[in-house]
PDB file of N, CA and C in Angstrom:
ATOM      1  N   UNK A   1     101.612  96.729  81.811  1.00  0.00           N
ATOM      2  CA  UNK A   1     101.110  96.134  83.034  1.00  0.00           C
ATOM      3  C   UNK A   1     101.511  97.085  84.211  1.00  0.00           C
ATOM      4  N   UNK A   2     100.549  97.298  85.060  1.00  0.00           N
ATOM      5  CA  UNK A   2     100.794  98.157  86.231  1.00  0.00           C
ATOM      6  C   UNK A   2     101.782  97.507  87.200  1.00  0.00           C
ATOM      7  N   UNK A   3     102.558  98.327  87.887  1.00  0.00           N
ATOM      8  CA  UNK A   3     103.560  97.794  88.832  1.00  0.00           C
ATOM      9  C   UNK A   3     102.951  96.883  89.914  1.00  0.00           C
ATOM     10  N   UNK A   4     101.769  97.253  90.419  1.00  0.00           N
ATOM     11  CA  UNK A   4     101.130  96.439  91.443  1.00  0.00           C
ATOM     12  C   UNK A   4     100.794  95.040  90.859  1.00  0.00           C
ATOM     13  N   UNK A   5     100.270  95.015  89.672  1.00  0.00           N
ATOM     14  CA  UNK A   5      99.912  93.744  89.027  1.00  0.00           C
ATOM     15  C   UNK A   5     101.156  92.904  88.824  1.00  0.00           C
ATOM     16  N   UNK A   6     102.210  93.518  88.347  1.00  0.00           N
ATOM     17  CA  UNK A   6     103.455  92.762  88.100  1.00  0.00           C
ATOM     18  C   UNK A   6     104.042  92.237  89.424  1.00  0.00           C
ATOM     19  N   UNK A   7     104.046  93.008  90.462  1.00  0.00           N
ATOM     20  CA  UNK A   7     104.557  92.586  91.726  1.00  0.00           C
ATOM     21  C   UNK A   7     103.674  91.489  92.344  1.00  0.00           C
ATOM     22  N   UNK A   8     102.367  91.612  92.183  1.00  0.00           N
ATOM     23  CA  UNK A   8     101.421  90.594  92.658  1.00  0.00           C
ATOM     24  C   UNK A   8     101.681  89.270  92.006  1.00  0.00           C
ATOM     25  N   UNK A   9     101.902  89.252  90.719  1.00  0.00           N
ATOM     26  CA  UNK A   9     102.223  88.027  89.978  1.00  0.00           C
ATOM     27  C   UNK A   9     103.501  87.427  90.509  1.00  0.00           C
ATOM     28  N   UNK A  10     104.513  88.242  90.749  1.00  0.00           N
ATOM     29  CA  UNK A  10     105.788  87.742  91.284  1.00  0.00           C
ATOM     30  C   UNK A  10     105.592  87.119  92.653  1.00  0.00           C
ATOM     31  N   UNK A  11     104.824  87.778  93.508  1.00  0.00           N
ATOM     32  CA  UNK A  11     104.596  87.248  94.862  1.00  0.00           C
ATOM     33  C   UNK A  11     103.884  85.889  94.822  1.00  0.00           C
ATOM     34  N   UNK A  12     102.861  85.803  93.985  1.00  0.00           N
ATOM     35  CA  UNK A  12     102.112  84.563  93.878  1.00  0.00           C
ATOM     36  C   UNK A  12     103.029  83.447  93.329  1.00  0.00           C
ATOM     37  N   UNK A  13     103.824  83.786  92.354  1.00  0.00           N
ATOM     38  CA  UNK A  13     104.751  82.786  91.767  1.00  0.00           C
ATOM     39  C   UNK A  13     105.783  82.300  92.778  1.00  0.00           C
ATOM     40  N   UNK A  14     106.029  83.115  93.815  1.00  0.00           N
ATOM     41  CA  UNK A  14     107.051  82.746  94.815  1.00  0.00           C
ATOM     42  C   UNK A  14     106.548  81.796  95.884  1.00  0.00           C
ATOM     43  N   UNK A  15     105.244  81.566  95.967  1.00  0.00           N
ATOM     44  CA  UNK A  15     104.697  80.713  96.991  1.00  0.00           C
ATOM     45  C   UNK A  15     105.111  79.274  96.722  1.00  0.00           C
ATOM     46  N   UNK A  16     105.881  78.697  97.653  1.00  0.00           N
ATOM     47  CA  UNK A  16     106.410  77.319  97.414  1.00  0.00           C
ATOM     48  C   UNK A  16     105.328  76.255  97.570  1.00  0.00           C
ATOM     49  N   UNK A  17     105.560  75.133  96.985  1.00  0.00           N
ATOM     50  CA  UNK A  17     104.656  73.996  97.140  1.00  0.00           C
ATOM     51  C   UNK A  17     104.522  73.654  98.638  1.00  0.00           C
ATOM     52  N   UNK A  18     103.281  73.343  99.045  1.00  0.00           N
ATOM     53  CA  UNK A  18     103.058  72.994 100.442  1.00  0.00           C
ATOM     54  C   UNK A  18     102.822  74.191 101.351  1.00  0.00           C
ATOM     55  N   UNK A  19     102.798  75.399 100.798  1.00  0.00           N
ATOM     56  CA  UNK A  19     102.538  76.583 101.596  1.00  0.00           C
ATOM     57  C   UNK A  19     101.445  77.401 100.962  1.00  0.00           C
ATOM     58  N   UNK A  20     100.843  78.323 101.724  1.00  0.00           N
ATOM     59  CA  UNK A  20      99.793  79.210 101.235  1.00  0.00           C
ATOM     60  C   UNK A  20     100.090  80.636 101.694  1.00  0.00           C
ATOM     61  N   UNK A  21      99.431  81.559 100.988  1.00  0.00           N
ATOM     62  CA  UNK A  21      99.433  82.958 101.414  1.00  0.00           C
ATOM     63  C   UNK A  21      97.996  83.456 101.327  1.00  0.00           C
ATOM     64  N   UNK A  22      97.685  84.544 102.077  1.00  0.00           N
ATOM     65  CA  UNK A  22      96.340  85.108 102.019  1.00  0.00           C
ATOM     66  C   UNK A  22      96.304  86.227 100.955  1.00  0.00           C
ATOM     67  N   UNK A  23      95.110  86.546 100.553  1.00  0.00           N
ATOM     68  CA  UNK A  23      94.926  87.669  99.565  1.00  0.00           C
ATOM     69  C   UNK A  23      95.529  88.955 100.121  1.00  0.00           C
ATOM     70  N   UNK A  24      95.209  89.237 101.401  1.00  0.00           N
ATOM     71  CA  UNK A  24      95.737  90.446 101.997  1.00  0.00           C
ATOM     72  C   UNK A  24      97.229  90.469 102.166  1.00  0.00           C
ATOM     73  N   UNK A  25      97.782  89.335 102.514  1.00  0.00           N
ATOM     74  CA  UNK A  25      99.225  89.216 102.645  1.00  0.00           C
ATOM     75  C   UNK A  25      99.914  89.452 101.311  1.00  0.00           C
ATOM     76  N   UNK A  26      99.376  88.928 100.241  1.00  0.00           N
ATOM     77  CA  UNK A  26      99.931  89.170  98.902  1.00  0.00           C
ATOM     78  C   UNK A  26      99.833  90.637  98.548  1.00  0.00           C
ATOM     79  N   UNK A  27      98.695  91.286  98.837  1.00  0.00           N
ATOM     80  CA  UNK A  27      98.555  92.695  98.585  1.00  0.00           C
ATOM     81  C   UNK A  27      99.599  93.527  99.310  1.00  0.00           C
ATOM     82  N   UNK A  28      99.837  93.198 100.609  1.00  0.00           N
ATOM     83  CA  UNK A  28     100.885  93.887 101.371  1.00  0.00           C
ATOM     84  C   UNK A  28     102.233  93.741 100.767  1.00  0.00           C
ATOM     85  N   UNK A  29     102.570  92.487 100.418  1.00  0.00           N
ATOM     86  CA  UNK A  29     103.867  92.176  99.821  1.00  0.00           C
ATOM     87  C   UNK A  29     104.065  92.919  98.489  1.00  0.00           C
ATOM     88  N   UNK A  30     102.961  93.112  97.770  1.00  0.00           N
ATOM     89  CA  UNK A  30     103.009  93.750  96.499  1.00  0.00           C
ATOM     90  C   UNK A  30     102.987  95.306  96.599  1.00  0.00           C
ATOM     91  N   UNK A  31     102.855  95.811  97.861  1.00  0.00           N
ATOM     92  CA  UNK A  31     102.972  97.226  98.093  1.00  0.00           C
ATOM     93  C   UNK A  31     101.619  97.975  98.243  1.00  0.00           C
ATOM     94  N   UNK A  32     100.540  97.277  98.364  1.00  0.00           N
ATOM     95  CA  UNK A  32      99.229  97.936  98.537  1.00  0.00           C
ATOM     96  C   UNK A  32      98.393  97.148  99.508  1.00  0.00           C
ATOM     97  N   UNK A  33      98.566  97.416 100.811  1.00  0.00           N
ATOM     98  CA  UNK A  33      97.966  96.608 101.858  1.00  0.00           C
ATOM     99  C   UNK A  33      96.442  96.482 101.804  1.00  0.00           C
ATOM    100  N   UNK A  34      95.768  97.439 101.187  1.00  0.00           N
ATOM    101  CA  UNK A  34      94.299  97.430 101.186  1.00  0.00           C
ATOM    102  C   UNK A  34      93.742  96.918  99.843  1.00  0.00           C
ATOM    103  N   UNK A  35      94.544  96.174  99.087  1.00  0.00           N
ATOM    104  CA  UNK A  35      94.153  95.760  97.732  1.00  0.00           C
ATOM    105  C   UNK A  35      93.894  94.261  97.610  1.00  0.00           C
ATOM    106  N   UNK A  36      93.389  93.638  98.682  1.00  0.00           N
ATOM    107  CA  UNK A  36      93.141  92.184  98.619  1.00  0.00           C
ATOM    108  C   UNK A  36      92.180  91.847  97.431  1.00  0.00           C
ATOM    109  N   UNK A  37      91.187  92.682  97.232  1.00  0.00           N
ATOM    110  CA  UNK A  37      90.240  92.432  96.113  1.00  0.00           C
ATOM    111  C   UNK A  37      90.893  92.486  94.765  1.00  0.00           C
ATOM    112  N   UNK A  38      91.909  93.339  94.684  1.00  0.00           N
ATOM    113  CA  UNK A  38      92.649  93.401  93.396  1.00  0.00           C
ATOM    114  C   UNK A  38      93.433  92.126  93.172  1.00  0.00           C
ATOM    115  N   UNK A  39      93.938  91.510  94.260  1.00  0.00           N
ATOM    116  CA  UNK A  39      94.642  90.247  94.141  1.00  0.00           C
ATOM    117  C   UNK A  39      93.701  89.197  93.604  1.00  0.00           C
ATOM    118  N   UNK A  40      92.462  89.188  94.106  1.00  0.00           N
ATOM    119  CA  UNK A  40      91.457  88.268  93.580  1.00  0.00           C
ATOM    120  C   UNK A  40      91.266  88.482  92.089  1.00  0.00           C
ATOM    121  N   UNK A  41      91.170  89.715  91.668  1.00  0.00           N
ATOM    122  CA  UNK A  41      90.965  90.017  90.245  1.00  0.00           C
ATOM    123  C   UNK A  41      92.147  89.518  89.415  1.00  0.00           C
ATOM    124  N   UNK A  42      93.375  89.763  89.910  1.00  0.00           N
ATOM    125  CA  UNK A  42      94.569  89.319  89.168  1.00  0.00           C
ATOM    126  C   UNK A  42      94.566  87.791  89.095  1.00  0.00           C
ATOM    127  N   UNK A  43      94.293  87.136  90.183  1.00  0.00           N
ATOM    128  CA  UNK A  43      94.237  85.676  90.146  1.00  0.00           C
ATOM    129  C   UNK A  43      93.201  85.187  89.113  1.00  0.00           C
ATOM    130  N   UNK A  44      92.045  85.800  89.125  1.00  0.00           N
ATOM    131  CA  UNK A  44      90.940  85.397  88.218  1.00  0.00           C
ATOM    132  C   UNK A  44      91.346  85.593  86.718  1.00  0.00           C
ATOM    133  N   UNK A  45      91.979  86.705  86.451  1.00  0.00           N
ATOM    134  CA  UNK A  45      92.247  87.037  85.037  1.00  0.00           C
ATOM    135  C   UNK A  45      93.588  86.577  84.529  1.00  0.00           C
ATOM    136  N   UNK A  46      94.551  86.277  85.377  1.00  0.00           N
ATOM    137  CA  UNK A  46      95.906  86.037  84.938  1.00  0.00           C
ATOM    138  C   UNK A  46      96.508  84.693  85.371  1.00  0.00           C
ATOM    139  N   UNK A  47      95.789  83.873  86.107  1.00  0.00           N
ATOM    140  CA  UNK A  47      96.344  82.613  86.577  1.00  0.00           C
ATOM    141  C   UNK A  47      96.761  81.714  85.435  1.00  0.00           C
ATOM    142  N   UNK A  48      95.932  81.582  84.458  1.00  0.00           N
ATOM    143  CA  UNK A  48      96.294  80.706  83.330  1.00  0.00           C
ATOM    144  C   UNK A  48      97.450  81.287  82.502  1.00  0.00           C
ATOM    145  N   UNK A  49      97.374  82.512  82.180  1.00  0.00           N
ATOM    146  CA  UNK A  49      98.379  83.158  81.327  1.00  0.00           C
ATOM    147  C   UNK A  49      99.786  83.073  81.946  1.00  0.00           C
ATOM    148  N   UNK A  50      99.846  83.235  83.253  1.00  0.00           N
ATOM    149  CA  UNK A  50     101.157  83.281  83.954  1.00  0.00           C
ATOM    150  C   UNK A  50     101.413  82.004  84.753  1.00  0.00           C
ATOM    151  N   UNK A  51     100.546  80.995  84.573  1.00  0.00           N
ATOM    152  CA  UNK A  51     100.702  79.746  85.283  1.00  0.00           C
ATOM    153  C   UNK A  51     100.878  79.912  86.786  1.00  0.00           C
ATOM    154  N   UNK A  52      99.975  80.727  87.350  1.00  0.00           N
ATOM    155  CA  UNK A  52     100.032  81.046  88.775  1.00  0.00           C
ATOM    156  C   UNK A  52      99.524  79.867  89.626  1.00  0.00           C
ATOM    157  N   UNK A  53     100.171  79.622  90.748  1.00  0.00           N
ATOM    158  CA  UNK A  53      99.643  78.592  91.648  1.00  0.00           C
ATOM    159  C   UNK A  53      98.512  79.127  92.479  1.00  0.00           C
ATOM    160  N   UNK A  54      97.414  79.405  91.828  1.00  0.00           N
ATOM    161  CA  UNK A  54      96.207  80.030  92.411  1.00  0.00           C
ATOM    162  C   UNK A  54      95.693  79.243  93.584  1.00  0.00           C
ATOM    163  N   UNK A  55      95.882  77.948  93.597  1.00  0.00           N
ATOM    164  CA  UNK A  55      95.370  77.096  94.655  1.00  0.00           C
ATOM    165  C   UNK A  55      96.075  77.338  96.010  1.00  0.00           C
ATOM    166  N   UNK A  56      97.200  78.059  95.980  1.00  0.00           N
ATOM    167  CA  UNK A  56      97.949  78.339  97.200  1.00  0.00           C
ATOM    168  C   UNK A  56      97.532  79.642  97.877  1.00  0.00           C
ATOM    169  N   UNK A  57      96.453  80.255  97.397  1.00  0.00           N
ATOM    170  CA  UNK A  57      95.985  81.512  97.941  1.00  0.00           C
ATOM    171  C   UNK A  57      94.605  81.308  98.601  1.00  0.00           C
ATOM    172  N   UNK A  58      94.514  81.729  99.863  1.00  0.00           N
ATOM    173  CA  UNK A  58      93.309  81.543 100.674  1.00  0.00           C
ATOM    174  C   UNK A  58      92.957  82.871 101.366  1.00  0.00           C
ATOM    175  N   UNK A  59      91.784  82.897 102.019  1.00  0.00           N
ATOM    176  CA  UNK A  59      91.401  84.122 102.677  1.00  0.00           C
ATOM    177  C   UNK A  59      92.112  84.300 104.026  1.00  0.00           C
ATOM    178  N   UNK A  60      91.849  85.347 104.715  1.00  0.00           N
ATOM    179  CA  UNK A  60      92.566  85.702 105.965  1.00  0.00           C
ATOM    180  C   UNK A  60      92.334  84.689 107.093  1.00  0.00           C
ATOM    181  N   UNK A  61      91.241  83.938 106.959  1.00  0.00           N
ATOM    182  CA  UNK A  61      90.957  82.901 107.972  1.00  0.00           C
ATOM    183  C   UNK A  61      91.541  81.546 107.596  1.00  0.00           C
ATOM    184  N   UNK A  62      92.206  81.490 106.446  1.00  0.00           N
ATOM    185  CA  UNK A  62      92.780  80.248 105.969  1.00  0.00           C
ATOM    186  C   UNK A  62      91.786  79.390 105.192  1.00  0.00           C
ATOM    187  N   UNK A  63      90.651  80.004 104.835  1.00  0.00           N
ATOM    188  CA  UNK A  63      89.604  79.243 104.113  1.00  0.00           C
ATOM    189  C   UNK A  63      89.744  79.373 102.633  1.00  0.00           C
ATOM    190  N   UNK A  64      89.354  78.291 101.960  1.00  0.00           N
ATOM    191  CA  UNK A  64      89.197  78.337 100.517  1.00  0.00           C
ATOM    192  C   UNK A  64      87.967  79.232 100.266  1.00  0.00           C
ATOM    193  N   UNK A  65      88.163  80.354  99.577  1.00  0.00           N
ATOM    194  CA  UNK A  65      87.125  81.342  99.446  1.00  0.00           C
ATOM    195  C   UNK A  65      86.325  81.262  98.142  1.00  0.00           C
ATOM    196  N   UNK A  66      86.685  80.355  97.288  1.00  0.00           N
ATOM    197  CA  UNK A  66      86.007  80.238  95.992  1.00  0.00           C
ATOM    198  C   UNK A  66      84.603  79.685  96.226  1.00  0.00           C
ATOM    199  N   UNK A  67      83.626  80.392  95.653  1.00  0.00           N
ATOM    200  CA  UNK A  67      82.218  80.046  95.888  1.00  0.00           C
ATOM    201  C   UNK A  67      81.776  78.851  95.035  1.00  0.00           C
ATOM    202  N   UNK A  68      82.358  78.707  93.836  1.00  0.00           N
ATOM    203  CA  UNK A  68      82.002  77.589  92.964  1.00  0.00           C
ATOM    204  C   UNK A  68      82.527  76.286  93.588  1.00  0.00           C
ATOM    205  N   UNK A  69      81.640  75.432  93.935  1.00  0.00           N
ATOM    206  CA  UNK A  69      81.957  74.207  94.690  1.00  0.00           C
ATOM    207  C   UNK A  69      82.966  73.316  93.909  1.00  0.00           C
ATOM    208  N   UNK A  70      82.772  73.210  92.606  1.00  0.00           N
ATOM    209  CA  UNK A  70      83.634  72.366  91.806  1.00  0.00           C
ATOM    210  C   UNK A  70      85.066  72.907  91.806  1.00  0.00           C
ATOM    211  N   UNK A  71      85.209  74.222  91.675  1.00  0.00           N
ATOM    212  CA  UNK A  71      86.528  74.853  91.661  1.00  0.00           C
ATOM    213  C   UNK A  71      87.149  74.798  93.056  1.00  0.00           C
ATOM    214  N   UNK A  72      86.336  75.003  94.110  1.00  0.00           N
ATOM    215  CA  UNK A  72      86.823  74.875  95.482  1.00  0.00           C
ATOM    216  C   UNK A  72      87.366  73.445  95.753  1.00  0.00           C
ATOM    217  N   UNK A  73      86.689  72.465  95.177  1.00  0.00           N
ATOM    218  CA  UNK A  73      87.114  71.078  95.332  1.00  0.00           C
ATOM    219  C   UNK A  73      88.468  70.873  94.627  1.00  0.00           C
ATOM    220  N   UNK A  74      88.639  71.482  93.478  1.00  0.00           N
ATOM    221  CA  UNK A  74      89.915  71.399  92.745  1.00  0.00           C
ATOM    222  C   UNK A  74      91.023  72.028  93.627  1.00  0.00           C
ATOM    223  N   UNK A  75      90.756  73.204  94.163  1.00  0.00           N
ATOM    224  CA  UNK A  75      91.735  73.850  95.031  1.00  0.00           C
ATOM    225  C   UNK A  75      92.110  72.963  96.225  1.00  0.00           C
ATOM    226  N   UNK A  76      91.106  72.399  96.841  1.00  0.00           N
ATOM    227  CA  UNK A  76      91.323  71.529  97.983  1.00  0.00           C
ATOM    228  C   UNK A  76      92.190  70.348  97.592  1.00  0.00           C
ATOM    229  N   UNK A  77      91.898  69.706  96.456  1.00  0.00           N
ATOM    230  CA  UNK A  77      92.680  68.557  96.015  1.00  0.00           C
ATOM    231  C   UNK A  77      94.117  68.945  95.658  1.00  0.00           C
ATOM    232  N   UNK A  78      94.283  70.103  95.007  1.00  0.00           N
ATOM    233  CA  UNK A  78      95.642  70.561  94.718  1.00  0.00           C
ATOM    234  C   UNK A  78      96.498  70.760  95.986  1.00  0.00           C
ATOM    235  N   UNK A  79      95.804  71.326  96.994  1.00  0.00           N
ATOM    236  CA  UNK A  79      96.520  71.544  98.298  1.00  0.00           C
ATOM    237  C   UNK A  79      96.818  70.199  98.958  1.00  0.00           C
ATOM    238  N   UNK A  80      95.877  69.291  98.934  1.00  0.00           N
ATOM    239  CA  UNK A  80      96.116  67.961  99.511  1.00  0.00           C
ATOM    240  C   UNK A  80      97.270  67.261  98.804  1.00  0.00           C
ATOM    241  N   UNK A  81      97.320  67.404  97.497  1.00  0.00           N
ATOM    242  CA  UNK A  81      98.423  66.802  96.701  1.00  0.00           C
ATOM    243  C   UNK A  81      99.784  67.364  97.094  1.00  0.00           C
ATOM    244  N   UNK A  82      99.791  68.572  97.690  1.00  0.00           N
ATOM    245  CA  UNK A  82     101.022  69.195  98.186  1.00  0.00           C
ATOM    246  C   UNK A  82     101.249  68.949  99.669  1.00  0.00           C
ATOM    247  N   UNK A  83     100.475  68.015 100.221  1.00  0.00           N
ATOM    248  CA  UNK A  83     100.539  67.649 101.644  1.00  0.00           C
ATOM    249  C   UNK A  83     100.156  68.784 102.559  1.00  0.00           C
ATOM    250  N   UNK A  84      99.220  69.614 102.128  1.00  0.00           N
ATOM    251  CA  UNK A  84      98.654  70.705 102.976  1.00  0.00           C
ATOM    252  C   UNK A  84      97.384  70.094 103.570  1.00  0.00           C
ATOM    253  N   UNK A  85      97.314  70.020 104.897  1.00  0.00           N
ATOM    254  CA  UNK A  85      96.171  69.481 105.596  1.00  0.00           C
ATOM    255  C   UNK A  85      94.990  70.411 105.424  1.00  0.00           C
ATOM    256  N   UNK A  86      93.880  69.926 104.854  1.00  0.00           N
ATOM    257  CA  UNK A  86      92.703  70.717 104.630  1.00  0.00           C
ATOM    258  C   UNK A  86      91.541  70.077 105.418  1.00  0.00           C
ATOM    259  N   UNK A  87      90.934  70.843 106.326  1.00  0.00           N
ATOM    260  CA  UNK A  87      89.818  70.372 107.059  1.00  0.00           C
ATOM    261  C   UNK A  87      88.610  71.266 106.805  1.00  0.00           C
ATOM    262  N   UNK A  88      87.571  70.717 106.237  1.00  0.00           N
ATOM    263  CA  UNK A  88      86.347  71.484 105.991  1.00  0.00           C
ATOM    264  C   UNK A  88      86.676  72.759 105.179  1.00  0.00           C
ATOM    265  N   UNK A  89      87.540  72.600 104.158  1.00  0.00           N
ATOM    266  CA  UNK A  89      87.909  73.699 103.265  1.00  0.00           C
ATOM    267  C   UNK A  89      88.685  74.807 104.009  1.00  0.00           C
ATOM    268  N   UNK A  90      89.375  74.432 105.060  1.00  0.00           N
ATOM    269  CA  UNK A  90      90.177  75.400 105.832  1.00  0.00           C
ATOM    270  C   UNK A  90      91.573  74.851 106.063  1.00  0.00           C
ATOM    271  N   UNK A  91      92.512  75.774 106.076  1.00  0.00           N
ATOM    272  CA  UNK A  91      93.950  75.423 106.291  1.00  0.00           C
ATOM    273  C   UNK A  91      94.375  76.153 107.544  1.00  0.00           C
ATOM    274  N   UNK A  92      95.152  75.477 108.377  1.00  0.00           N
ATOM    275  CA  UNK A  92      95.739  76.109 109.576  1.00  0.00           C
ATOM    276  C   UNK A  92      96.925  77.001 109.116  1.00  0.00           C
ATOM    277  N   UNK A  93      96.697  78.282 109.175  1.00  0.00           N
ATOM    278  CA  UNK A  93      97.752  79.214 108.713  1.00  0.00           C
ATOM    279  C   UNK A  93      99.021  79.146 109.570  1.00  0.00           C
ATOM    280  N   UNK A  94      98.893  78.743 110.841  1.00  0.00           N
ATOM    281  CA  UNK A  94     100.098  78.610 111.648  1.00  0.00           C
ATOM    282  C   UNK A  94     101.020  77.571 111.061  1.00  0.00           C
ATOM    283  N   UNK A  95     100.463  76.553 110.467  1.00  0.00           N
ATOM    284  CA  UNK A  95     101.251  75.437 109.902  1.00  0.00           C
ATOM    285  C   UNK A  95     101.738  75.668 108.490  1.00  0.00           C
ATOM    286  N   UNK A  96     100.908  76.373 107.689  1.00  0.00           N
ATOM    287  CA  UNK A  96     101.202  76.387 106.259  1.00  0.00           C
ATOM    288  C   UNK A  96     101.401  77.738 105.606  1.00  0.00           C
ATOM    289  N   UNK A  97     101.229  78.817 106.378  1.00  0.00           N
ATOM    290  CA  UNK A  97     101.367  80.158 105.796  1.00  0.00           C
ATOM    291  C   UNK A  97     102.823  80.456 105.490  1.00  0.00           C
ATOM    292  N   UNK A  98     103.045  80.930 104.254  1.00  0.00           N
ATOM    293  CA  UNK A  98     104.390  81.298 103.813  1.00  0.00           C
ATOM    294  C   UNK A  98     104.587  82.774 104.001  1.00  0.00           C
ATOM    295  N   UNK A  99     105.761  83.174 104.512  1.00  0.00           N
ATOM    296  CA  UNK A  99     106.087  84.588 104.634  1.00  0.00           C
ATOM    297  C   UNK A  99     107.404  84.837 103.906  1.00  0.00           C
ATOM    298  N   UNK A 100     107.711  86.114 103.708  1.00  0.00           N
ATOM    299  CA  UNK A 100     108.940  86.429 102.998  1.00  0.00           C
ATOM    300  C   UNK A 100     110.187  86.016 103.816  1.00  0.00           C
ATOM    301  N   UNK A 101     109.997  85.807 105.100  1.00  0.00           N
ATOM    302  CA  UNK A 101     111.092  85.295 105.943  1.00  0.00           C
ATOM    303  C   UNK A 101     111.176  83.760 105.868  1.00  0.00           C
ATOM    304  N   UNK A 102     110.241  83.169 105.149  1.00  0.00           N
ATOM    305  CA  UNK A 102     110.199  81.712 105.075  1.00  0.00           C
ATOM    306  C   UNK A 102     108.937  81.211 105.785  1.00  0.00           C
ATOM    307  N   UNK A 103     108.798  79.905 105.866  1.00  0.00           N
ATOM    308  CA  UNK A 103     107.599  79.383 106.490  1.00  0.00           C
ATOM    309  C   UNK A 103     107.619  79.709 107.982  1.00  0.00           C
ATOM    310  N   UNK A 104     106.399  79.951 108.495  1.00  0.00           N
ATOM    311  CA  UNK A 104     106.295  80.297 109.909  1.00  0.00           C
ATOM    312  C   UNK A 104     106.640  79.145 110.824  1.00  0.00           C
ATOM    313  N   UNK A 105     106.302  77.948 110.380  1.00  0.00           N
ATOM    314  CA  UNK A 105     106.681  76.738 111.141  1.00  0.00           C
ATOM    315  C   UNK A 105     107.208  75.717 110.148  1.00  0.00           C
ATOM    316  N   UNK A 106     107.813  74.712 110.677  1.00  0.00           N
ATOM    317  CA  UNK A 106     108.445  73.672 109.819  1.00  0.00           C
ATOM    318  C   UNK A 106     107.468  72.568 109.437  1.00  0.00           C
ATOM    319  N   UNK A 107     106.367  72.462 110.117  1.00  0.00           N
ATOM    320  CA  UNK A 107     105.455  71.341 109.832  1.00  0.00           C
ATOM    321  C   UNK A 107     104.177  71.539 110.563  1.00  0.00           C
ATOM    322  N   UNK A 108     103.284  70.572 110.419  1.00  0.00           N
ATOM    323  CA  UNK A 108     101.990  70.644 111.109  1.00  0.00           C
ATOM    324  C   UNK A 108     102.149  70.737 112.594  1.00  0.00           C
ATOM    325  N   UNK A 109     101.217  71.440 113.233  1.00  0.00           N
ATOM    326  CA  UNK A 109     101.268  71.598 114.699  1.00  0.00           C
ATOM    327  C   UNK A 109     100.867  70.272 115.341  1.00  0.00           C
ATOM    328  N   UNK A 110     100.944  70.227 116.652  1.00  0.00           N
ATOM    329  CA  UNK A 110     100.599  69.042 117.394  1.00  0.00           C
ATOM    330  C   UNK A 110      99.102  68.898 117.556  1.00  0.00           C
ATOM    331  N   UNK A 111      98.343  69.870 117.080  1.00  0.00           N
ATOM    332  CA  UNK A 111      96.889  69.805 117.216  1.00  0.00           C
ATOM    333  C   UNK A 111      96.323  68.832 116.187  1.00  0.00           C
ATOM    334  N   UNK A 112      95.518  67.898 116.667  1.00  0.00           N
ATOM    335  CA  UNK A 112      94.922  66.896 115.739  1.00  0.00           C
ATOM    336  C   UNK A 112      93.469  67.286 115.562  1.00  0.00           C
ATOM    337  N   UNK A 113      93.024  67.355 114.332  1.00  0.00           N
ATOM    338  CA  UNK A 113      91.651  67.635 114.008  1.00  0.00           C
ATOM    339  C   UNK A 113      91.096  66.364 113.452  1.00  0.00           C
ATOM    340  N   UNK A 114      90.101  65.778 114.134  1.00  0.00           N
ATOM    341  CA  UNK A 114      89.540  64.489 113.652  1.00  0.00           C
ATOM    342  C   UNK A 114      88.631  64.732 112.453  1.00  0.00           C
ATOM    343  N   UNK A 115      88.706  63.809 111.520  1.00  0.00           N
ATOM    344  CA  UNK A 115      87.844  63.855 110.347  1.00  0.00           C
ATOM    345  C   UNK A 115      88.400  64.686 109.204  1.00  0.00           C
ATOM    346  N   UNK A 116      89.592  65.204 109.318  1.00  0.00           N
ATOM    347  CA  UNK A 116      90.154  65.988 108.254  1.00  0.00           C
ATOM    348  C   UNK A 116      90.748  65.109 107.159  1.00  0.00           C
ATOM    349  N   UNK A 117      91.104  65.784 106.087  1.00  0.00           N
ATOM    350  CA  UNK A 117      91.696  65.070 104.963  1.00  0.00           C
ATOM    351  C   UNK A 117      93.171  65.450 104.908  1.00  0.00           C
ATOM    352  N   UNK A 118      93.988  64.445 104.655  1.00  0.00           N
ATOM    353  CA  UNK A 118      95.428  64.678 104.507  1.00  0.00           C
ATOM    354  C   UNK A 118      95.956  63.573 103.642  1.00  0.00           C
ATOM    355  N   UNK A 119      96.798  63.970 102.695  1.00  0.00           N
ATOM    356  CA  UNK A 119      97.377  62.950 101.815  1.00  0.00           C
ATOM    357  C   UNK A 119      98.714  62.583 102.337  1.00  0.00           C
TER     358      UNK A 119
END
């Protein structure tokens, strides 16, 4: 296994329940800042084998990026089950993004979005 792949798996495994990371953020943490697409490939091919919390990975805008609607719904439900507020398949990164220093904030912001889903 290539070092980048191994490090990527470790970074994804480190994302705690109730937090998310972006593809690009994971690539940077794994040592290759321009390899976000490789992170997608690793998630696609190795999530099951390594029991990766794939649902905790979103794009740079905080959006669920999976095109398959059924799989996107599964990701959304998994996040909701972890008390991650999801509105229109988007997560507020200020509230839920995980960094190596720890969560950027301790909880949801004071901004209320009407019509969103939250468990």
